[in-house]
N, C-alpha and C. Protein backbone atom coordinates (compact mmCIF):
# COMPACT_ATOMS: atom_id res chain seq x y z
N MET A 1 0.60 -1.27 0.34
CA MET A 1 0.11 -0.22 0.09
C MET A 1 0.94 1.46 -0.06
N PRO A 2 1.72 1.50 -0.82
CA PRO A 2 2.31 2.36 -0.94
C PRO A 2 1.83 4.23 -1.50
N PHE A 3 1.95 5.10 -1.27
CA PHE A 3 1.75 6.04 -1.83
C PHE A 3 3.13 7.21 -2.16
N ILE A 4 2.95 7.66 -3.33
CA ILE A 4 3.95 8.56 -3.43
C ILE A 4 3.42 10.12 -4.18
N ASP A 5 4.01 11.03 -3.34
CA ASP A 5 3.54 12.38 -3.61
C ASP A 5 4.14 13.03 -3.93
N LEU A 6 4.51 13.61 -5.37
CA LEU A 6 5.38 14.42 -5.28
C LEU A 6 4.95 16.15 -5.79
N ARG A 7 5.51 16.61 -5.23
CA ARG A 7 5.33 18.26 -5.65
C ARG A 7 6.47 19.22 -6.10
N THR A 8 6.10 19.85 -7.00
CA THR A 8 7.41 20.17 -7.78
C THR A 8 7.51 21.34 -8.21
N THR A 9 8.18 22.56 -8.44
CA THR A 9 8.27 23.59 -8.94
C THR A 9 7.52 24.11 -10.38
N LEU A 10 7.93 22.79 -11.07
CA LEU A 10 7.64 22.72 -12.49
C LEU A 10 6.36 22.51 -12.90
N PRO A 11 5.74 23.04 -14.19
CA PRO A 11 4.59 22.62 -14.60
C PRO A 11 4.51 20.94 -15.30
N VAL A 12 4.00 20.20 -15.26
CA VAL A 12 4.42 18.99 -15.84
C VAL A 12 2.92 18.13 -16.19
N PRO A 13 3.12 18.40 -17.67
CA PRO A 13 2.11 18.12 -19.04
C PRO A 13 1.61 16.56 -18.53
N ALA A 14 0.43 16.52 -19.09
CA ALA A 14 -0.14 14.80 -19.17
C ALA A 14 0.62 14.08 -19.27
N ASP A 15 1.51 14.09 -20.66
CA ASP A 15 2.00 12.64 -20.77
C ASP A 15 2.93 12.61 -20.24
N ARG A 16 3.78 13.52 -19.56
CA ARG A 16 5.04 13.19 -18.24
C ARG A 16 4.42 12.69 -17.34
N ARG A 17 3.32 13.24 -17.22
CA ARG A 17 2.90 12.49 -15.65
C ARG A 17 2.80 11.32 -15.87
N GLU A 18 2.15 10.34 -17.08
CA GLU A 18 2.17 9.48 -17.20
C GLU A 18 3.54 8.27 -16.98
N SER A 19 4.65 9.55 -17.64
CA SER A 19 5.71 8.49 -17.48
C SER A 19 6.56 8.59 -15.77
N LEU A 20 5.83 9.82 -15.22
CA LEU A 20 6.30 9.81 -13.88
C LEU A 20 6.04 9.05 -13.17
N LYS A 21 4.79 8.31 -13.30
CA LYS A 21 3.66 7.43 -12.82
C LYS A 21 4.21 5.94 -12.85
N ALA A 22 4.88 5.81 -14.38
CA ALA A 22 5.33 4.47 -14.68
C ALA A 22 6.68 4.41 -13.58
N ALA A 23 7.20 5.52 -14.07
CA ALA A 23 8.78 5.37 -13.35
C ALA A 23 8.55 4.97 -11.85
N PHE A 24 7.90 5.63 -11.32
CA PHE A 24 7.33 5.46 -9.99
C PHE A 24 7.16 4.05 -9.44
N GLY A 25 6.19 3.75 -10.57
CA GLY A 25 5.68 1.94 -10.41
C GLY A 25 6.90 1.22 -10.08
N GLN A 26 7.73 1.56 -10.91
CA GLN A 26 8.98 0.66 -11.32
C GLN A 26 9.84 0.74 -9.98
N ALA A 27 10.12 1.98 -9.73
CA ALA A 27 10.67 2.25 -8.58
C ALA A 27 10.57 1.14 -6.96
N ILE A 28 9.22 1.72 -7.21
CA ILE A 28 8.50 0.98 -5.57
C ILE A 28 8.98 -0.09 -5.23
N THR A 29 9.26 -1.20 -6.19
CA THR A 29 9.54 -2.40 -5.82
C THR A 29 11.13 -2.17 -5.14
N THR A 30 11.76 -1.20 -5.09
CA THR A 30 13.03 -1.49 -4.48
C THR A 30 12.50 -1.39 -2.89
N LEU A 31 11.29 -0.99 -2.59
CA LEU A 31 11.10 -0.61 -1.34
C LEU A 31 9.74 -1.92 -0.91
N HIS A 32 10.29 -3.17 -1.51
CA HIS A 32 9.79 -4.28 -1.66
C HIS A 32 8.06 -4.33 -1.86
N LYS A 33 7.49 -3.54 -2.57
CA LYS A 33 6.24 -3.29 -2.96
C LYS A 33 6.16 -3.27 -4.43
N THR A 34 4.63 -3.35 -4.78
CA THR A 34 4.39 -3.34 -5.84
C THR A 34 3.55 -2.13 -6.76
N GLU A 35 3.71 -1.94 -7.51
CA GLU A 35 2.72 -1.19 -8.39
C GLU A 35 1.22 -1.33 -8.58
N THR A 36 0.91 -2.36 -8.30
CA THR A 36 -0.28 -2.85 -7.82
C THR A 36 -1.37 -1.92 -7.23
N TYR A 37 -0.97 -2.01 -5.97
CA TYR A 37 -1.70 -0.51 -5.10
C TYR A 37 -1.01 0.50 -4.63
N LEU A 38 -0.36 0.97 -5.55
CA LEU A 38 0.68 2.54 -5.76
C LEU A 38 -0.67 3.29 -5.97
N MET A 39 -0.40 4.23 -5.18
CA MET A 39 -1.08 5.55 -5.45
C MET A 39 -0.11 6.95 -5.40
N VAL A 40 -0.44 7.78 -6.92
CA VAL A 40 0.48 8.94 -6.99
C VAL A 40 -0.27 9.74 -6.69
N SER A 41 0.05 11.14 -6.40
CA SER A 41 -0.07 12.07 -6.36
C SER A 41 1.05 13.09 -7.11
N ILE A 42 0.91 14.05 -8.14
CA ILE A 42 1.64 15.12 -8.64
C ILE A 42 0.87 16.45 -8.54
N GLN A 43 1.81 17.13 -8.35
CA GLN A 43 1.29 18.47 -7.23
C GLN A 43 1.82 19.71 -8.32
N ASP A 44 1.79 19.79 -9.51
CA ASP A 44 2.63 21.22 -9.84
C ASP A 44 2.70 22.66 -9.55
N SER A 45 3.70 23.03 -10.40
CA SER A 45 3.75 24.20 -10.28
C SER A 45 3.48 25.07 -8.67
N CYS A 46 4.38 24.40 -8.05
CA CYS A 46 4.25 24.77 -6.45
C CYS A 46 5.23 25.47 -6.00
N ASP A 47 4.79 26.26 -5.25
CA ASP A 47 5.77 27.58 -4.60
C ASP A 47 7.08 26.50 -3.18
N LEU A 48 8.01 26.35 -3.61
CA LEU A 48 8.82 25.58 -2.90
C LEU A 48 10.25 26.75 -2.99
N TRP A 49 10.54 26.46 -1.42
CA TRP A 49 11.92 27.06 -0.65
C TRP A 49 12.44 26.10 -0.01
N LEU A 50 14.01 26.46 -0.22
CA LEU A 50 14.78 25.60 -0.16
C LEU A 50 16.37 26.70 0.52
N GLY A 51 16.16 26.52 2.16
CA GLY A 51 17.23 27.48 2.72
C GLY A 51 17.19 28.62 2.27
N GLY A 52 15.93 29.26 2.66
CA GLY A 52 15.13 30.56 2.46
C GLY A 52 15.58 30.80 1.15
N ARG A 53 15.46 30.53 0.12
CA ARG A 53 15.46 30.77 -1.22
C ARG A 53 14.47 29.98 -2.48
N LYS A 54 13.54 30.68 -2.65
CA LYS A 54 12.61 30.18 -3.45
C LYS A 54 13.34 29.20 -4.82
N LEU A 55 12.48 27.98 -4.92
CA LEU A 55 13.38 27.54 -6.29
C LEU A 55 12.69 27.65 -7.75
N ASP A 56 13.62 27.32 -8.82
CA ASP A 56 12.45 27.62 -9.68
C ASP A 56 12.80 26.31 -10.14
N GLN A 57 13.24 25.43 -9.99
CA GLN A 57 13.27 24.07 -9.99
C GLN A 57 13.60 23.32 -9.05
N GLY A 58 13.26 22.52 -8.21
CA GLY A 58 12.42 21.82 -7.27
C GLY A 58 11.88 20.71 -7.06
N ALA A 59 11.93 19.79 -5.88
CA ALA A 59 10.37 19.18 -5.57
C ALA A 59 10.52 18.12 -4.54
N TYR A 60 9.65 17.87 -3.52
CA TYR A 60 9.35 17.62 -2.36
C TYR A 60 8.92 15.95 -3.00
N ILE A 61 8.92 14.87 -2.44
CA ILE A 61 8.43 13.49 -2.62
C ILE A 61 8.32 13.06 -1.63
N ALA A 62 6.97 12.98 -0.94
CA ALA A 62 6.58 11.99 0.35
C ALA A 62 6.52 10.33 0.07
N VAL A 63 7.01 9.73 0.47
CA VAL A 63 7.03 7.97 0.29
C VAL A 63 6.15 7.76 1.28
N SER A 64 4.90 7.25 1.43
CA SER A 64 4.16 6.50 2.50
C SER A 64 3.90 5.05 2.08
N LEU A 65 4.52 3.83 3.34
CA LEU A 65 4.15 2.69 2.84
C LEU A 65 3.70 2.00 4.19
N TYR A 66 2.68 0.86 4.07
CA TYR A 66 2.60 0.24 4.87
C TYR A 66 3.86 -0.99 5.09
N GLY A 67 3.94 -0.60 6.49
CA GLY A 67 5.40 -1.32 6.92
C GLY A 67 6.20 -0.36 6.88
N SER A 68 7.66 -1.03 6.70
CA SER A 68 8.73 -0.60 6.19
C SER A 68 10.01 -0.92 5.58
N ALA A 69 11.06 -0.37 5.29
CA ALA A 69 12.42 -1.04 4.60
C ALA A 69 13.36 -0.55 5.13
N SER A 70 14.69 -1.23 5.01
CA SER A 70 15.59 -1.11 5.09
C SER A 70 16.39 0.36 5.20
N PRO A 71 17.18 0.90 6.05
CA PRO A 71 17.95 2.26 5.58
C PRO A 71 18.49 1.93 3.82
N ALA A 72 19.12 0.93 3.60
CA ALA A 72 19.42 1.14 2.07
C ALA A 72 18.69 0.96 1.65
N ASP A 73 17.58 0.45 1.47
CA ASP A 73 16.44 0.33 0.67
C ASP A 73 15.99 2.17 0.13
N TYR A 74 16.04 2.44 1.80
CA TYR A 74 15.39 4.03 1.34
C TYR A 74 16.49 4.81 0.78
N ASP A 75 17.36 4.53 0.91
CA ASP A 75 19.09 5.30 0.37
C ASP A 75 18.65 4.92 -1.13
N LYS A 76 18.41 3.67 -1.56
CA LYS A 76 18.54 3.25 -2.83
C LYS A 76 17.92 3.87 -3.82
N MET A 77 16.60 3.91 -2.96
CA MET A 77 15.01 4.77 -3.66
C MET A 77 15.34 6.36 -3.58
N THR A 78 15.93 6.71 -2.73
CA THR A 78 16.09 7.89 -2.81
C THR A 78 16.94 8.63 -4.15
N GLY A 79 17.99 7.57 -4.35
CA GLY A 79 18.89 7.64 -5.41
C GLY A 79 18.00 7.85 -6.78
N GLN A 80 17.13 6.70 -6.63
CA GLN A 80 16.42 6.62 -8.17
C GLN A 80 15.40 7.79 -8.15
N LEU A 81 14.72 7.68 -7.53
CA LEU A 81 13.57 9.27 -7.18
C LEU A 81 14.28 10.37 -7.84
N SER A 82 15.56 10.73 -7.04
CA SER A 82 16.11 11.48 -7.99
C SER A 82 16.95 11.66 -9.32
N ARG A 83 17.05 10.32 -9.78
CA ARG A 83 17.67 10.03 -11.24
C ARG A 83 16.13 10.69 -12.14
N ILE A 84 15.12 9.76 -11.53
CA ILE A 84 13.79 10.20 -12.64
C ILE A 84 13.51 11.36 -12.61
N LEU A 85 13.60 12.39 -11.60
CA LEU A 85 13.09 13.58 -11.44
C LEU A 85 14.35 14.24 -12.51
N SER A 86 15.51 14.30 -12.29
CA SER A 86 16.59 14.76 -13.47
C SER A 86 16.50 14.29 -14.66
N ASP A 87 15.81 13.20 -14.70
CA ASP A 87 15.77 12.96 -16.35
C ASP A 87 15.00 13.44 -16.94
N GLN A 88 13.24 13.19 -16.56
CA GLN A 88 12.29 13.30 -16.48
C GLN A 88 12.12 14.81 -16.33
N LEU A 89 12.32 15.78 -15.89
CA LEU A 89 12.07 17.59 -15.22
C LEU A 89 12.98 18.29 -15.44
N GLY A 90 14.56 17.41 -15.71
CA GLY A 90 15.85 18.29 -15.36
C GLY A 90 15.58 19.03 -14.08
N ILE A 91 15.15 18.46 -12.82
CA ILE A 91 15.63 18.87 -11.52
C ILE A 91 17.14 18.54 -11.18
N PRO A 92 17.96 18.88 -10.90
CA PRO A 92 19.07 17.88 -10.05
C PRO A 92 18.63 17.88 -8.61
N ALA A 93 19.58 16.98 -8.50
CA ALA A 93 19.34 15.80 -6.68
C ALA A 93 19.36 16.86 -5.85
N GLN A 94 20.46 18.08 -5.80
CA GLN A 94 20.49 18.82 -4.68
C GLN A 94 19.42 19.65 -4.45
N ALA A 95 18.27 19.57 -5.41
CA ALA A 95 16.72 20.51 -4.85
C ALA A 95 15.53 19.11 -4.70
N VAL A 96 16.09 17.91 -4.43
CA VAL A 96 15.07 17.14 -4.47
C VAL A 96 14.63 16.62 -3.07
N TYR A 97 13.79 16.96 -2.38
CA TYR A 97 14.06 16.55 -0.98
C TYR A 97 12.87 14.73 -0.74
N VAL A 98 13.23 13.96 -0.05
CA VAL A 98 12.55 12.38 -0.04
C VAL A 98 12.23 12.25 1.37
N THR A 99 11.36 12.24 1.86
CA THR A 99 11.06 12.02 2.99
C THR A 99 10.16 10.30 2.98
N TYR A 100 10.40 9.60 4.00
CA TYR A 100 9.42 8.41 4.01
C TYR A 100 9.00 8.56 5.51
N HIS A 101 7.96 7.89 5.29
CA HIS A 101 6.88 7.38 5.82
C HIS A 101 6.06 6.19 6.41
N PRO A 102 6.83 5.16 6.81
CA PRO A 102 6.23 3.86 7.00
C PRO A 102 4.59 4.19 8.16
N VAL A 103 3.58 3.03 7.71
CA VAL A 103 3.08 3.26 8.37
C VAL A 103 2.15 2.06 8.92
N SER A 104 1.73 1.64 10.16
CA SER A 104 1.20 0.60 10.83
C SER A 104 -0.38 0.13 10.52
N ASP A 105 -0.89 1.32 10.03
CA ASP A 105 -2.19 1.27 10.44
C ASP A 105 -2.76 1.55 8.69
N TRP A 106 -3.09 0.65 7.72
CA TRP A 106 -3.47 1.30 6.38
C TRP A 106 -5.14 1.05 6.41
N GLY A 107 -5.97 1.62 5.56
CA GLY A 107 -6.93 1.10 5.55
C GLY A 107 -7.45 1.28 3.87
N TRP A 108 -8.20 0.67 3.21
CA TRP A 108 -8.12 0.06 1.82
C TRP A 108 -9.94 -0.72 1.91
N ASN A 109 -10.55 -0.27 0.99
CA ASN A 109 -11.98 -0.69 0.44
C ASN A 109 -12.36 -1.23 2.00
N GLY A 110 -12.68 -0.16 2.70
CA GLY A 110 -13.70 -0.24 4.11
C GLY A 110 -13.36 -1.02 4.99
N GLN A 111 -11.60 -1.33 5.07
CA GLN A 111 -11.34 -1.71 5.91
C GLN A 111 -9.60 -1.62 6.44
N ASN A 112 -8.96 -2.40 7.23
CA ASN A 112 -7.78 -1.86 7.55
C ASN A 112 -7.02 -3.42 7.51
N PHE A 113 -5.74 -3.22 7.10
CA PHE A 113 -4.70 -4.24 6.57
C PHE A 113 -4.55 -4.93 8.57
């Protein structure tokens, strides 16, 4: 039950949203999850500040997942997400923040796991 929430300063056209969603679907396997239940949110044209400076190109990604993963898996996932944003949107890795939110209680389809 993973959820990837992307906020970026850049506008993201519909076709690019699809390619980002697909790339996130592949990357989520790093955390031993599948795309089957992956939910993705893409919020573009956001105002983001880093170190008191408004970013022209930047992103924040929050990854929530039922259960947790190892620090090594999180580290690998951060690298993959940074590469995806660099390749697809041209956002440099130093302008990408990623947080992880392990969740012990997760509901879907009218009940909790």
